[in-house]
Amino acid sequence: MCSGSTVFKSYYGIKTNEYPKSSCHRIDYIRSKGQCLGACVTTTDKIVMISHDESTKTCMCCNDITGSDITDPTWKSYVPRSFPWSDGCKTYNLSSQQICLKYFPVLARYLSARNLCQAEDGDLIKIDSKEKFDIFKDYHVPIANSETIQVWVQGKKVGGLWQFDDGTPIPDVCPIGMSNQPGEVHYRAYGSTSFNCADAPNSDLYNYTCAYHRF
């Protein structure tokens, strides 16, 4: 799994450090990433990511990223270019900024979800205050529609301590129930009309919500 996400933007897509997955659809004899995008548009109902290997002329169309990584440095992966502030996200006002939340009903591992958010200049939502938790609930309750959903939120366990990706500690604002099993080092929220937080291993598959900030 890739760590971090170095971003390159083009008119058509945004480069991400994600690898293609075994669950993606493979198309051979595709010479360029532009042709790969065109092939995926015509064969895939909803594109989450495309990957292209110029050395083997192989294209991967991903609308399902639940599979295992196909690890090879020759792959170049892209997420479709979008404009989150005007494309399906909901804006909230905070004290010094605006935050726009966008829910992705796509099953992903924690690190994949984080990388895909960062590729669009966002990040997994950080529940770092009661105000942010209230915003999280306001946004996700209608999405849940009285059924339980599980969503990756930003958080990892380092040396037995829970912290955000920038190293700051996670405050006790989302009711937490940890099972503390080995490998459960990432953070998720779950619920329908109310939400709690819990630990989970990276191998678990949940939907995710990206947060975009405007100061």
N, C-alpha and C. Protein backbone atom coordinates (compact mmCIF):
# COMPACT_ATOMS: atom_id res chain seq x y z
N MET A 1 0.85 -1.19 0.00
CA MET A 1 0.00 0.00 0.00
C MET A 1 0.88 1.23 0.00
N CYS A 2 0.53 2.22 -0.77
CA CYS A 2 1.32 3.43 -0.84
C CYS A 2 1.11 4.27 0.41
N SER A 3 2.11 5.04 0.75
CA SER A 3 1.98 5.96 1.88
C SER A 3 1.96 7.38 1.34
N GLY A 4 1.02 8.20 1.83
CA GLY A 4 0.90 9.56 1.36
C GLY A 4 0.34 9.60 -0.04
N SER A 5 0.29 10.81 -0.59
CA SER A 5 -0.25 10.93 -1.94
C SER A 5 0.36 12.14 -2.60
N THR A 6 1.34 11.93 -3.49
CA THR A 6 1.93 13.01 -4.24
C THR A 6 1.02 13.31 -5.41
N VAL A 7 0.63 14.56 -5.56
CA VAL A 7 -0.46 14.88 -6.47
C VAL A 7 0.06 15.60 -7.70
N PHE A 8 -0.35 15.16 -8.87
CA PHE A 8 -0.13 15.87 -10.11
C PHE A 8 -1.48 16.07 -10.77
N LYS A 9 -1.77 17.30 -11.15
CA LYS A 9 -3.10 17.59 -11.69
C LYS A 9 -3.02 17.83 -13.20
N SER A 10 -4.00 17.32 -13.88
CA SER A 10 -4.17 17.59 -15.29
C SER A 10 -5.63 17.94 -15.52
N TYR A 11 -5.96 18.25 -16.76
CA TYR A 11 -7.35 18.59 -17.05
C TYR A 11 -8.26 17.39 -16.87
N TYR A 12 -7.73 16.20 -17.12
CA TYR A 12 -8.56 14.99 -17.11
C TYR A 12 -8.55 14.24 -15.80
N GLY A 13 -7.45 14.21 -15.11
CA GLY A 13 -7.36 13.41 -13.90
C GLY A 13 -6.28 13.91 -12.97
N ILE A 14 -6.28 13.36 -11.76
CA ILE A 14 -5.33 13.75 -10.74
C ILE A 14 -4.56 12.51 -10.35
N LYS A 15 -3.24 12.59 -10.41
CA LYS A 15 -2.40 11.45 -10.12
C LYS A 15 -2.43 11.14 -8.62
N THR A 16 -2.48 9.86 -8.30
CA THR A 16 -2.44 9.42 -6.91
C THR A 16 -1.45 8.28 -6.78
N ASN A 17 -0.92 8.09 -5.59
CA ASN A 17 0.04 7.02 -5.34
C ASN A 17 -0.62 5.67 -5.07
N GLU A 18 -1.90 5.54 -5.38
CA GLU A 18 -2.57 4.24 -5.21
C GLU A 18 -2.14 3.27 -6.31
N TYR A 19 -2.09 2.01 -5.96
CA TYR A 19 -1.90 0.95 -6.96
C TYR A 19 -3.27 0.47 -7.47
N PRO A 20 -3.31 -0.08 -8.68
CA PRO A 20 -4.56 -0.74 -9.12
C PRO A 20 -4.83 -1.95 -8.25
N LYS A 21 -6.08 -2.40 -8.26
CA LYS A 21 -6.49 -3.51 -7.40
C LYS A 21 -6.84 -4.74 -8.25
N SER A 22 -6.78 -5.88 -7.61
CA SER A 22 -7.13 -7.12 -8.30
C SER A 22 -8.61 -7.13 -8.70
N SER A 23 -9.43 -6.28 -8.07
CA SER A 23 -10.85 -6.21 -8.39
C SER A 23 -11.14 -5.27 -9.57
N CYS A 24 -10.12 -4.58 -10.08
CA CYS A 24 -10.32 -3.67 -11.22
C CYS A 24 -10.41 -4.47 -12.52
N HIS A 25 -10.98 -3.84 -13.53
CA HIS A 25 -11.16 -4.48 -14.84
C HIS A 25 -9.95 -4.18 -15.72
N ARG A 26 -9.34 -5.21 -16.24
CA ARG A 26 -8.11 -5.11 -17.04
C ARG A 26 -8.43 -5.03 -18.53
N ILE A 27 -7.76 -4.10 -19.22
CA ILE A 27 -7.86 -4.00 -20.67
C ILE A 27 -6.44 -3.95 -21.23
N ASP A 28 -6.13 -4.82 -22.16
CA ASP A 28 -4.79 -4.89 -22.74
C ASP A 28 -4.68 -4.06 -24.02
N TYR A 29 -3.46 -3.85 -24.44
CA TYR A 29 -3.13 -3.15 -25.69
C TYR A 29 -3.64 -1.71 -25.69
N ILE A 30 -3.43 -1.02 -24.56
CA ILE A 30 -3.78 0.39 -24.45
C ILE A 30 -2.47 1.17 -24.31
N ARG A 31 -2.18 2.04 -25.28
CA ARG A 31 -0.86 2.65 -25.36
C ARG A 31 -0.63 3.81 -24.40
N SER A 32 -1.68 4.57 -24.05
CA SER A 32 -1.47 5.78 -23.26
C SER A 32 -2.54 5.89 -22.18
N LYS A 33 -2.28 6.76 -21.21
CA LYS A 33 -3.27 6.96 -20.14
C LYS A 33 -4.51 7.65 -20.68
N GLY A 34 -4.37 8.45 -21.75
CA GLY A 34 -5.55 9.06 -22.36
C GLY A 34 -6.45 8.00 -22.99
N GLN A 35 -5.85 7.04 -23.69
CA GLN A 35 -6.63 5.94 -24.25
C GLN A 35 -7.22 5.07 -23.15
N CYS A 36 -6.48 4.94 -22.05
CA CYS A 36 -6.98 4.16 -20.91
C CYS A 36 -8.24 4.82 -20.35
N LEU A 37 -8.20 6.13 -20.17
CA LEU A 37 -9.38 6.84 -19.67
C LEU A 37 -10.56 6.64 -20.61
N GLY A 38 -10.32 6.78 -21.92
CA GLY A 38 -11.40 6.60 -22.89
C GLY A 38 -11.98 5.20 -22.85
N ALA A 39 -11.11 4.19 -22.72
CA ALA A 39 -11.58 2.81 -22.66
C ALA A 39 -12.40 2.58 -21.39
N CYS A 40 -11.97 3.18 -20.28
CA CYS A 40 -12.69 2.98 -19.03
C CYS A 40 -14.06 3.66 -19.06
N VAL A 41 -14.12 4.83 -19.69
CA VAL A 41 -15.39 5.55 -19.78
C VAL A 41 -16.43 4.71 -20.52
N THR A 42 -16.00 3.98 -21.54
CA THR A 42 -16.94 3.20 -22.36
C THR A 42 -17.25 1.83 -21.77
N THR A 43 -16.46 1.36 -20.80
CA THR A 43 -16.66 0.01 -20.29
C THR A 43 -17.05 -0.04 -18.81
N THR A 44 -16.94 1.08 -18.10
CA THR A 44 -17.15 1.09 -16.65
C THR A 44 -18.25 2.07 -16.29
N ASP A 45 -19.21 1.61 -15.48
CA ASP A 45 -20.36 2.47 -15.17
C ASP A 45 -19.98 3.65 -14.30
N LYS A 46 -19.06 3.46 -13.36
CA LYS A 46 -18.63 4.55 -12.49
C LYS A 46 -17.15 4.39 -12.21
N ILE A 47 -16.36 5.36 -12.59
CA ILE A 47 -14.91 5.27 -12.44
C ILE A 47 -14.50 5.85 -11.09
N VAL A 48 -13.86 5.03 -10.27
CA VAL A 48 -13.25 5.52 -9.04
C VAL A 48 -11.79 5.87 -9.30
N MET A 49 -11.13 5.07 -10.13
CA MET A 49 -9.71 5.28 -10.42
C MET A 49 -9.36 4.53 -11.69
N ILE A 50 -8.38 5.04 -12.44
CA ILE A 50 -7.81 4.30 -13.55
C ILE A 50 -6.31 4.15 -13.31
N SER A 51 -5.74 3.09 -13.84
CA SER A 51 -4.30 2.87 -13.74
C SER A 51 -3.78 2.43 -15.10
N HIS A 52 -2.58 2.88 -15.44
CA HIS A 52 -2.01 2.53 -16.75
C HIS A 52 -0.54 2.16 -16.57
N ASP A 53 -0.14 1.10 -17.24
CA ASP A 53 1.25 0.66 -17.26
C ASP A 53 1.74 0.80 -18.70
N GLU A 54 2.53 1.83 -18.94
CA GLU A 54 2.98 2.11 -20.30
C GLU A 54 3.89 1.00 -20.82
N SER A 55 4.68 0.37 -19.95
CA SER A 55 5.63 -0.64 -20.39
C SER A 55 4.94 -1.89 -20.91
N THR A 56 3.79 -2.22 -20.36
CA THR A 56 3.05 -3.42 -20.80
C THR A 56 1.79 -3.05 -21.59
N LYS A 57 1.53 -1.74 -21.73
CA LYS A 57 0.33 -1.25 -22.44
C LYS A 57 -0.95 -1.85 -21.83
N THR A 58 -1.00 -1.80 -20.50
CA THR A 58 -2.12 -2.37 -19.77
C THR A 58 -2.89 -1.27 -19.06
N CYS A 59 -4.21 -1.35 -19.14
CA CYS A 59 -5.10 -0.38 -18.51
C CYS A 59 -5.96 -1.11 -17.48
N MET A 60 -6.15 -0.47 -16.32
CA MET A 60 -7.03 -1.01 -15.29
C MET A 60 -8.12 0.02 -14.98
N CYS A 61 -9.37 -0.39 -15.12
CA CYS A 61 -10.52 0.48 -14.83
C CYS A 61 -11.10 0.05 -13.49
N CYS A 62 -11.14 0.97 -12.55
CA CYS A 62 -11.51 0.60 -11.17
C CYS A 62 -12.80 1.29 -10.75
N ASN A 63 -13.86 0.52 -10.62
CA ASN A 63 -15.04 0.99 -9.90
C ASN A 63 -15.22 0.20 -8.62
N ASP A 64 -14.35 -0.77 -8.40
CA ASP A 64 -14.33 -1.60 -7.20
C ASP A 64 -12.88 -1.69 -6.74
N ILE A 65 -12.58 -1.08 -5.59
CA ILE A 65 -11.19 -1.06 -5.11
C ILE A 65 -11.04 -1.92 -3.85
N THR A 66 -11.86 -2.98 -3.77
CA THR A 66 -11.80 -3.86 -2.60
C THR A 66 -10.72 -4.93 -2.74
N GLY A 67 -10.16 -5.08 -3.93
CA GLY A 67 -9.16 -6.13 -4.14
C GLY A 67 -7.81 -5.77 -3.57
N SER A 68 -6.89 -6.71 -3.67
CA SER A 68 -5.53 -6.50 -3.17
C SER A 68 -4.74 -5.65 -4.17
N ASP A 69 -3.68 -5.00 -3.67
CA ASP A 69 -2.84 -4.15 -4.52
C ASP A 69 -2.10 -4.98 -5.57
N ILE A 70 -2.03 -4.44 -6.78
CA ILE A 70 -1.14 -4.99 -7.81
C ILE A 70 0.09 -4.09 -7.79
N THR A 71 1.08 -4.49 -7.02
CA THR A 71 2.21 -3.60 -6.72
C THR A 71 3.29 -3.70 -7.80
N ASP A 72 3.50 -2.61 -8.47
CA ASP A 72 4.56 -2.49 -9.47
C ASP A 72 4.79 -1.00 -9.70
N PRO A 73 6.02 -0.54 -9.62
CA PRO A 73 6.26 0.91 -9.76
C PRO A 73 5.95 1.47 -11.13
N THR A 74 5.71 0.60 -12.12
CA THR A 74 5.42 1.12 -13.46
C THR A 74 3.97 1.57 -13.62
N TRP A 75 3.10 1.22 -12.64
CA TRP A 75 1.72 1.68 -12.71
C TRP A 75 1.63 3.17 -12.41
N LYS A 76 0.81 3.87 -13.16
CA LYS A 76 0.46 5.27 -12.90
C LYS A 76 -1.05 5.33 -12.73
N SER A 77 -1.49 5.82 -11.57
CA SER A 77 -2.92 5.81 -11.25
C SER A 77 -3.46 7.23 -11.16
N TYR A 78 -4.75 7.37 -11.54
CA TYR A 78 -5.39 8.69 -11.56
C TYR A 78 -6.83 8.56 -11.07
N VAL A 79 -7.28 9.57 -10.37
CA VAL A 79 -8.70 9.68 -10.03
C VAL A 79 -9.30 10.71 -10.96
N PRO A 80 -10.58 10.55 -11.33
CA PRO A 80 -11.20 11.53 -12.24
C PRO A 80 -11.17 12.92 -11.64
N ARG A 81 -10.82 13.88 -12.44
CA ARG A 81 -10.76 15.26 -11.96
C ARG A 81 -12.18 15.76 -11.69
N SER A 82 -12.38 16.28 -10.50
CA SER A 82 -13.67 16.86 -10.15
C SER A 82 -13.43 18.15 -9.38
N PHE A 83 -14.47 18.85 -9.06
CA PHE A 83 -14.39 20.11 -8.35
C PHE A 83 -15.29 20.00 -7.14
N PRO A 84 -14.73 19.46 -6.03
CA PRO A 84 -15.58 19.07 -4.89
C PRO A 84 -16.49 20.17 -4.39
N TRP A 85 -16.06 21.43 -4.43
CA TRP A 85 -16.89 22.49 -3.87
C TRP A 85 -18.17 22.70 -4.67
N SER A 86 -18.20 22.21 -5.88
CA SER A 86 -19.42 22.36 -6.69
C SER A 86 -19.92 21.02 -7.20
N ASP A 87 -19.43 19.94 -6.63
CA ASP A 87 -19.75 18.62 -7.16
C ASP A 87 -20.10 17.65 -6.04
N GLY A 88 -21.32 17.76 -5.53
CA GLY A 88 -21.83 16.75 -4.62
C GLY A 88 -21.34 16.81 -3.20
N CYS A 89 -20.77 17.93 -2.78
CA CYS A 89 -20.39 18.02 -1.37
C CYS A 89 -21.21 19.11 -0.68
N LYS A 90 -21.29 19.00 0.64
CA LYS A 90 -22.10 19.93 1.43
C LYS A 90 -21.19 20.80 2.27
N THR A 91 -21.45 22.10 2.23
CA THR A 91 -20.57 23.07 2.89
C THR A 91 -21.11 23.47 4.26
N TYR A 92 -20.18 23.55 5.22
CA TYR A 92 -20.50 24.01 6.57
C TYR A 92 -19.52 25.12 6.95
N ASN A 93 -20.00 26.06 7.75
CA ASN A 93 -19.15 27.14 8.24
C ASN A 93 -18.59 26.78 9.60
N LEU A 94 -17.27 26.90 9.74
CA LEU A 94 -16.60 26.79 11.02
C LEU A 94 -16.10 28.18 11.42
N SER A 95 -15.45 28.29 12.55
CA SER A 95 -15.07 29.61 13.06
C SER A 95 -14.16 30.37 12.11
N SER A 96 -13.18 29.71 11.51
CA SER A 96 -12.21 30.42 10.68
C SER A 96 -12.16 29.88 9.25
N GLN A 97 -13.08 29.01 8.91
CA GLN A 97 -13.00 28.38 7.60
C GLN A 97 -14.34 27.78 7.23
N GLN A 98 -14.41 27.32 5.98
CA GLN A 98 -15.52 26.50 5.52
C GLN A 98 -15.01 25.09 5.29
N ILE A 99 -15.86 24.13 5.57
CA ILE A 99 -15.52 22.74 5.32
C ILE A 99 -16.61 22.15 4.42
N CYS A 100 -16.18 21.41 3.42
CA CYS A 100 -17.11 20.77 2.50
C CYS A 100 -16.93 19.26 2.61
N LEU A 101 -18.00 18.54 2.90
CA LEU A 101 -17.94 17.09 3.09
C LEU A 101 -18.52 16.38 1.88
N LYS A 102 -17.86 15.31 1.48
CA LYS A 102 -18.31 14.52 0.35
C LYS A 102 -18.19 13.05 0.70
N TYR A 103 -19.33 12.37 0.70
CA TYR A 103 -19.39 10.95 1.07
C TYR A 103 -19.21 10.09 -0.18
N PHE A 104 -18.37 9.06 -0.06
CA PHE A 104 -18.12 8.15 -1.17
C PHE A 104 -18.65 6.77 -0.78
N PRO A 105 -19.74 6.30 -1.41
CA PRO A 105 -20.27 4.97 -1.12
C PRO A 105 -19.45 3.89 -1.82
N VAL A 106 -18.15 3.95 -1.59
CA VAL A 106 -17.19 3.04 -2.22
C VAL A 106 -16.44 2.31 -1.12
N LEU A 107 -16.44 0.99 -1.14
CA LEU A 107 -15.71 0.23 -0.14
C LEU A 107 -14.21 0.32 -0.40
N ALA A 108 -13.47 0.66 0.65
CA ALA A 108 -12.03 0.85 0.51
C ALA A 108 -11.34 0.55 1.83
N ARG A 109 -10.07 0.21 1.76
CA ARG A 109 -9.26 0.13 2.95
C ARG A 109 -8.90 1.54 3.41
N TYR A 110 -8.48 1.65 4.67
CA TYR A 110 -8.22 2.98 5.24
C TYR A 110 -7.21 3.76 4.40
N LEU A 111 -6.07 3.16 4.09
CA LEU A 111 -5.02 3.90 3.40
C LEU A 111 -5.45 4.28 1.98
N SER A 112 -6.21 3.44 1.32
CA SER A 112 -6.72 3.79 -0.01
C SER A 112 -7.68 4.97 0.09
N ALA A 113 -8.58 4.94 1.07
CA ALA A 113 -9.52 6.05 1.25
C ALA A 113 -8.77 7.35 1.50
N ARG A 114 -7.76 7.30 2.35
CA ARG A 114 -6.98 8.50 2.64
C ARG A 114 -6.27 9.02 1.38
N ASN A 115 -5.65 8.12 0.63
CA ASN A 115 -4.94 8.53 -0.58
C ASN A 115 -5.88 9.16 -1.60
N LEU A 116 -7.07 8.58 -1.77
CA LEU A 116 -8.02 9.09 -2.76
C LEU A 116 -8.56 10.46 -2.34
N CYS A 117 -8.75 10.68 -1.04
CA CYS A 117 -9.14 12.02 -0.57
C CYS A 117 -8.03 13.03 -0.84
N GLN A 118 -6.80 12.66 -0.51
CA GLN A 118 -5.68 13.58 -0.66
C GLN A 118 -5.40 13.92 -2.11
N ALA A 119 -5.72 13.01 -3.02
CA ALA A 119 -5.50 13.29 -4.43
C ALA A 119 -6.34 14.46 -4.91
N GLU A 120 -7.47 14.72 -4.25
CA GLU A 120 -8.35 15.85 -4.61
C GLU A 120 -8.13 17.05 -3.69
N ASP A 121 -6.96 17.13 -3.04
CA ASP A 121 -6.65 18.21 -2.11
C ASP A 121 -7.55 18.21 -0.88
N GLY A 122 -8.05 17.04 -0.51
CA GLY A 122 -8.84 16.90 0.70
C GLY A 122 -8.15 15.94 1.65
N ASP A 123 -8.89 15.41 2.59
CA ASP A 123 -8.39 14.40 3.50
C ASP A 123 -9.59 13.70 4.13
N LEU A 124 -9.35 12.56 4.72
CA LEU A 124 -10.41 11.95 5.50
C LEU A 124 -10.85 12.93 6.58
N ILE A 125 -12.13 12.98 6.85
CA ILE A 125 -12.65 13.94 7.81
C ILE A 125 -12.00 13.72 9.18
N LYS A 126 -11.63 14.81 9.81
CA LYS A 126 -10.99 14.80 11.12
C LYS A 126 -12.02 15.27 12.16
N ILE A 127 -12.41 14.39 13.07
CA ILE A 127 -13.37 14.75 14.12
C ILE A 127 -12.56 15.26 15.32
N ASP A 128 -12.23 16.55 15.28
CA ASP A 128 -11.32 17.12 16.27
C ASP A 128 -11.98 18.10 17.23
N SER A 129 -13.31 18.21 17.17
CA SER A 129 -14.02 19.09 18.09
C SER A 129 -15.48 18.67 18.14
N LYS A 130 -16.20 19.13 19.16
CA LYS A 130 -17.63 18.83 19.24
C LYS A 130 -18.36 19.43 18.05
N GLU A 131 -17.94 20.64 17.63
CA GLU A 131 -18.56 21.28 16.48
C GLU A 131 -18.38 20.42 15.23
N LYS A 132 -17.21 19.86 15.04
CA LYS A 132 -16.96 19.01 13.87
C LYS A 132 -17.75 17.71 13.97
N PHE A 133 -17.88 17.17 15.18
CA PHE A 133 -18.68 15.95 15.36
C PHE A 133 -20.15 16.22 15.07
N ASP A 134 -20.65 17.37 15.49
CA ASP A 134 -22.03 17.73 15.19
C ASP A 134 -22.24 17.86 13.67
N ILE A 135 -21.25 18.44 12.99
CA ILE A 135 -21.31 18.55 11.53
C ILE A 135 -21.31 17.15 10.90
N PHE A 136 -20.44 16.28 11.42
CA PHE A 136 -20.37 14.91 10.91
C PHE A 136 -21.73 14.23 11.01
N LYS A 137 -22.38 14.36 12.17
CA LYS A 137 -23.69 13.73 12.37
C LYS A 137 -24.75 14.36 11.46
N ASP A 138 -24.76 15.68 11.37
CA ASP A 138 -25.74 16.36 10.52
C ASP A 138 -25.63 15.89 9.07
N TYR A 139 -24.42 15.68 8.61
CA TYR A 139 -24.21 15.29 7.22
C TYR A 139 -24.56 13.81 6.99
N HIS A 140 -24.20 12.93 7.94
CA HIS A 140 -24.31 11.49 7.68
C HIS A 140 -25.65 10.88 8.06
N VAL A 141 -26.40 11.48 8.95
CA VAL A 141 -27.70 10.90 9.33
C VAL A 141 -28.63 10.77 8.12
N PRO A 142 -28.78 11.80 7.28
CA PRO A 142 -29.63 11.62 6.09
C PRO A 142 -29.08 10.58 5.12
N ILE A 143 -27.75 10.46 5.04
CA ILE A 143 -27.15 9.46 4.16
C ILE A 143 -27.47 8.06 4.67
N ALA A 144 -27.37 7.87 5.99
CA ALA A 144 -27.66 6.56 6.58
C ALA A 144 -29.11 6.16 6.38
N ASN A 145 -30.02 7.14 6.46
CA ASN A 145 -31.44 6.88 6.22
C ASN A 145 -31.95 5.73 7.10
N SER A 146 -31.60 5.81 8.40
CA SER A 146 -32.03 4.86 9.43
C SER A 146 -31.37 3.48 9.31
N GLU A 147 -30.40 3.32 8.44
CA GLU A 147 -29.63 2.08 8.37
C GLU A 147 -28.19 2.36 8.78
N THR A 148 -27.56 1.41 9.42
CA THR A 148 -26.20 1.60 9.91
C THR A 148 -25.21 1.70 8.76
N ILE A 149 -24.40 2.74 8.80
CA ILE A 149 -23.29 2.87 7.86
C ILE A 149 -21.99 2.92 8.65
N GLN A 150 -20.90 2.53 8.01
CA GLN A 150 -19.58 2.59 8.63
C GLN A 150 -18.67 3.38 7.70
N VAL A 151 -17.96 4.33 8.27
CA VAL A 151 -17.21 5.31 7.49
C VAL A 151 -15.81 5.46 8.09
N TRP A 152 -14.79 5.38 7.24
CA TRP A 152 -13.45 5.71 7.70
C TRP A 152 -13.37 7.19 8.05
N VAL A 153 -12.80 7.49 9.21
CA VAL A 153 -12.48 8.87 9.59
C VAL A 153 -11.01 8.90 9.97
N GLN A 154 -10.44 10.09 9.96
CA GLN A 154 -9.00 10.19 10.15
C GLN A 154 -8.59 9.79 11.57
N GLY A 155 -7.60 8.91 11.67
CA GLY A 155 -7.08 8.49 12.96
C GLY A 155 -6.27 7.23 12.86
N LYS A 156 -5.21 7.16 13.64
CA LYS A 156 -4.36 5.97 13.68
C LYS A 156 -3.75 5.83 15.07
N LYS A 157 -3.43 4.60 15.42
CA LYS A 157 -2.82 4.32 16.71
C LYS A 157 -1.30 4.24 16.52
N VAL A 158 -0.58 5.06 17.27
CA VAL A 158 0.88 5.07 17.20
C VAL A 158 1.42 4.92 18.62
N GLY A 159 2.15 3.84 18.87
CA GLY A 159 2.67 3.61 20.20
C GLY A 159 1.60 3.51 21.26
N GLY A 160 0.45 2.97 20.89
CA GLY A 160 -0.65 2.82 21.83
C GLY A 160 -1.50 4.06 22.02
N LEU A 161 -1.17 5.16 21.32
CA LEU A 161 -1.91 6.41 21.45
C LEU A 161 -2.61 6.74 20.14
N TRP A 162 -3.86 7.22 20.24
CA TRP A 162 -4.62 7.58 19.05
C TRP A 162 -4.33 9.02 18.66
N GLN A 163 -4.05 9.23 17.37
CA GLN A 163 -3.72 10.56 16.89
C GLN A 163 -4.17 10.73 15.44
N PHE A 164 -4.28 12.00 15.03
CA PHE A 164 -4.56 12.31 13.63
C PHE A 164 -3.28 12.15 12.82
N ASP A 165 -3.40 12.28 11.50
CA ASP A 165 -2.24 12.06 10.64
C ASP A 165 -1.13 13.07 10.88
N ASP A 166 -1.46 14.25 11.42
CA ASP A 166 -0.43 15.25 11.71
C ASP A 166 0.21 15.06 13.08
N GLY A 167 -0.17 14.00 13.80
CA GLY A 167 0.45 13.69 15.08
C GLY A 167 -0.26 14.26 16.29
N THR A 168 -1.29 15.10 16.09
CA THR A 168 -2.02 15.66 17.22
C THR A 168 -2.96 14.60 17.80
N PRO A 169 -3.18 14.63 19.12
CA PRO A 169 -4.03 13.60 19.74
C PRO A 169 -5.49 13.76 19.36
N ILE A 170 -6.21 12.65 19.31
CA ILE A 170 -7.64 12.66 19.01
C ILE A 170 -8.41 12.93 20.30
N PRO A 171 -9.22 13.99 20.33
CA PRO A 171 -9.97 14.30 21.55
C PRO A 171 -11.15 13.36 21.74
N ASP A 172 -11.67 13.34 22.93
CA ASP A 172 -12.77 12.44 23.28
C ASP A 172 -14.10 13.14 23.00
N VAL A 173 -14.43 13.26 21.71
CA VAL A 173 -15.69 13.90 21.34
C VAL A 173 -16.65 12.93 20.66
N CYS A 174 -16.13 11.93 19.97
CA CYS A 174 -16.96 10.87 19.39
C CYS A 174 -16.91 9.69 20.36
N PRO A 175 -18.05 9.22 20.88
CA PRO A 175 -18.03 8.10 21.84
C PRO A 175 -17.26 6.92 21.29
N ILE A 176 -16.26 6.47 22.03
CA ILE A 176 -15.30 5.50 21.52
C ILE A 176 -15.48 4.15 22.21
N GLY A 177 -15.50 3.10 21.43
CA GLY A 177 -15.49 1.74 21.95
C GLY A 177 -14.44 0.94 21.21
N MET A 178 -13.32 0.68 21.84
CA MET A 178 -12.20 0.01 21.19
C MET A 178 -12.14 -1.46 21.60
N SER A 179 -11.90 -2.33 20.64
CA SER A 179 -11.69 -3.75 20.97
C SER A 179 -10.22 -4.05 21.19
N ASN A 180 -9.34 -3.15 20.67
CA ASN A 180 -7.89 -3.25 20.91
C ASN A 180 -7.29 -4.58 20.48
N GLN A 181 -7.82 -5.14 19.41
CA GLN A 181 -7.22 -6.35 18.86
C GLN A 181 -5.95 -5.98 18.08
N PRO A 182 -4.99 -6.90 17.99
CA PRO A 182 -3.77 -6.61 17.23
C PRO A 182 -4.09 -6.19 15.79
N GLY A 183 -3.45 -5.15 15.34
CA GLY A 183 -3.65 -4.67 13.98
C GLY A 183 -4.78 -3.70 13.81
N GLU A 184 -5.60 -3.49 14.85
CA GLU A 184 -6.71 -2.53 14.74
C GLU A 184 -6.18 -1.13 15.07
N VAL A 185 -5.56 -0.53 14.07
CA VAL A 185 -4.82 0.71 14.30
C VAL A 185 -5.41 1.89 13.53
N HIS A 186 -6.61 1.73 12.96
CA HIS A 186 -7.25 2.82 12.24
C HIS A 186 -8.62 3.11 12.84
N TYR A 187 -9.21 4.20 12.41
CA TYR A 187 -10.36 4.81 13.09
C TYR A 187 -11.56 4.81 12.15
N ARG A 188 -12.72 4.46 12.68
CA ARG A 188 -13.95 4.47 11.89
C ARG A 188 -15.09 5.00 12.75
N ALA A 189 -16.10 5.52 12.07
CA ALA A 189 -17.33 5.92 12.75
C ALA A 189 -18.46 5.07 12.20
N TYR A 190 -19.43 4.75 13.06
CA TYR A 190 -20.54 3.91 12.61
C TYR A 190 -21.81 4.36 13.32
N GLY A 191 -22.95 4.18 12.64
CA GLY A 191 -24.23 4.51 13.23
C GLY A 191 -25.27 4.81 12.18
N SER A 192 -26.41 5.29 12.64
CA SER A 192 -27.51 5.65 11.74
C SER A 192 -28.10 7.00 12.15
N THR A 193 -28.78 7.03 13.29
CA THR A 193 -29.32 8.30 13.80
C THR A 193 -28.38 8.94 14.82
N SER A 194 -27.42 8.18 15.31
CA SER A 194 -26.34 8.69 16.13
C SER A 194 -25.09 7.90 15.77
N PHE A 195 -23.92 8.39 16.18
CA PHE A 195 -22.67 7.77 15.73
C PHE A 195 -21.70 7.56 16.88
N ASN A 196 -20.98 6.46 16.82
CA ASN A 196 -19.88 6.16 17.71
C ASN A 196 -18.63 5.93 16.87
N CYS A 197 -17.48 5.88 17.54
CA CYS A 197 -16.23 5.60 16.86
C CYS A 197 -15.61 4.34 17.42
N ALA A 198 -14.80 3.68 16.61
CA ALA A 198 -14.17 2.42 17.02
C ALA A 198 -12.91 2.20 16.22
N ASP A 199 -12.12 1.21 16.65
CA ASP A 199 -10.91 0.87 15.93
C ASP A 199 -11.21 -0.19 14.87
N ALA A 200 -10.29 -0.35 13.94
CA ALA A 200 -10.44 -1.34 12.87
C ALA A 200 -9.09 -1.55 12.20
N PRO A 201 -8.84 -2.74 11.66
CA PRO A 201 -7.61 -2.95 10.89
C PRO A 201 -7.72 -2.33 9.51
N ASN A 202 -6.58 -2.03 8.90
CA ASN A 202 -6.60 -1.46 7.55
C ASN A 202 -7.26 -2.39 6.55
N SER A 203 -7.24 -3.69 6.81
CA SER A 203 -7.79 -4.65 5.86
C SER A 203 -9.31 -4.60 5.77
N ASP A 204 -9.99 -3.99 6.76
CA ASP A 204 -11.44 -3.86 6.70
C ASP A 204 -11.84 -2.91 5.58
N LEU A 205 -13.03 -3.10 5.06
CA LEU A 205 -13.53 -2.30 3.94
C LEU A 205 -14.74 -1.50 4.39
N TYR A 206 -14.63 -0.18 4.31
CA TYR A 206 -15.74 0.71 4.67
C TYR A 206 -15.82 1.82 3.63
N ASN A 207 -16.95 2.52 3.63
CA ASN A 207 -17.06 3.72 2.84
C ASN A 207 -16.24 4.83 3.50
N TYR A 208 -16.17 5.98 2.87
CA TYR A 208 -15.34 7.04 3.44
C TYR A 208 -15.90 8.41 3.07
N THR A 209 -15.51 9.40 3.85
CA THR A 209 -15.94 10.78 3.63
C THR A 209 -14.72 11.67 3.60
N CYS A 210 -14.60 12.45 2.52
CA CYS A 210 -13.50 13.40 2.38
C CYS A 210 -13.95 14.78 2.86
N ALA A 211 -13.01 15.50 3.42
CA ALA A 211 -13.26 16.87 3.85
C ALA A 211 -12.34 17.81 3.08
N TYR A 212 -12.93 18.90 2.57
CA TYR A 212 -12.16 19.91 1.83
C TYR A 212 -12.31 21.23 2.59
N HIS A 213 -11.21 21.96 2.71
CA HIS A 213 -11.20 23.15 3.55
C HIS A 213 -10.97 24.40 2.71
N ARG A 214 -11.66 25.44 3.08
CA ARG A 214 -11.48 26.76 2.46
C ARG A 214 -11.36 27.78 3.58
N PHE A 215 -10.20 28.45 3.68
CA PHE A 215 -9.96 29.39 4.76
C PHE A 215 -10.35 30.79 4.36
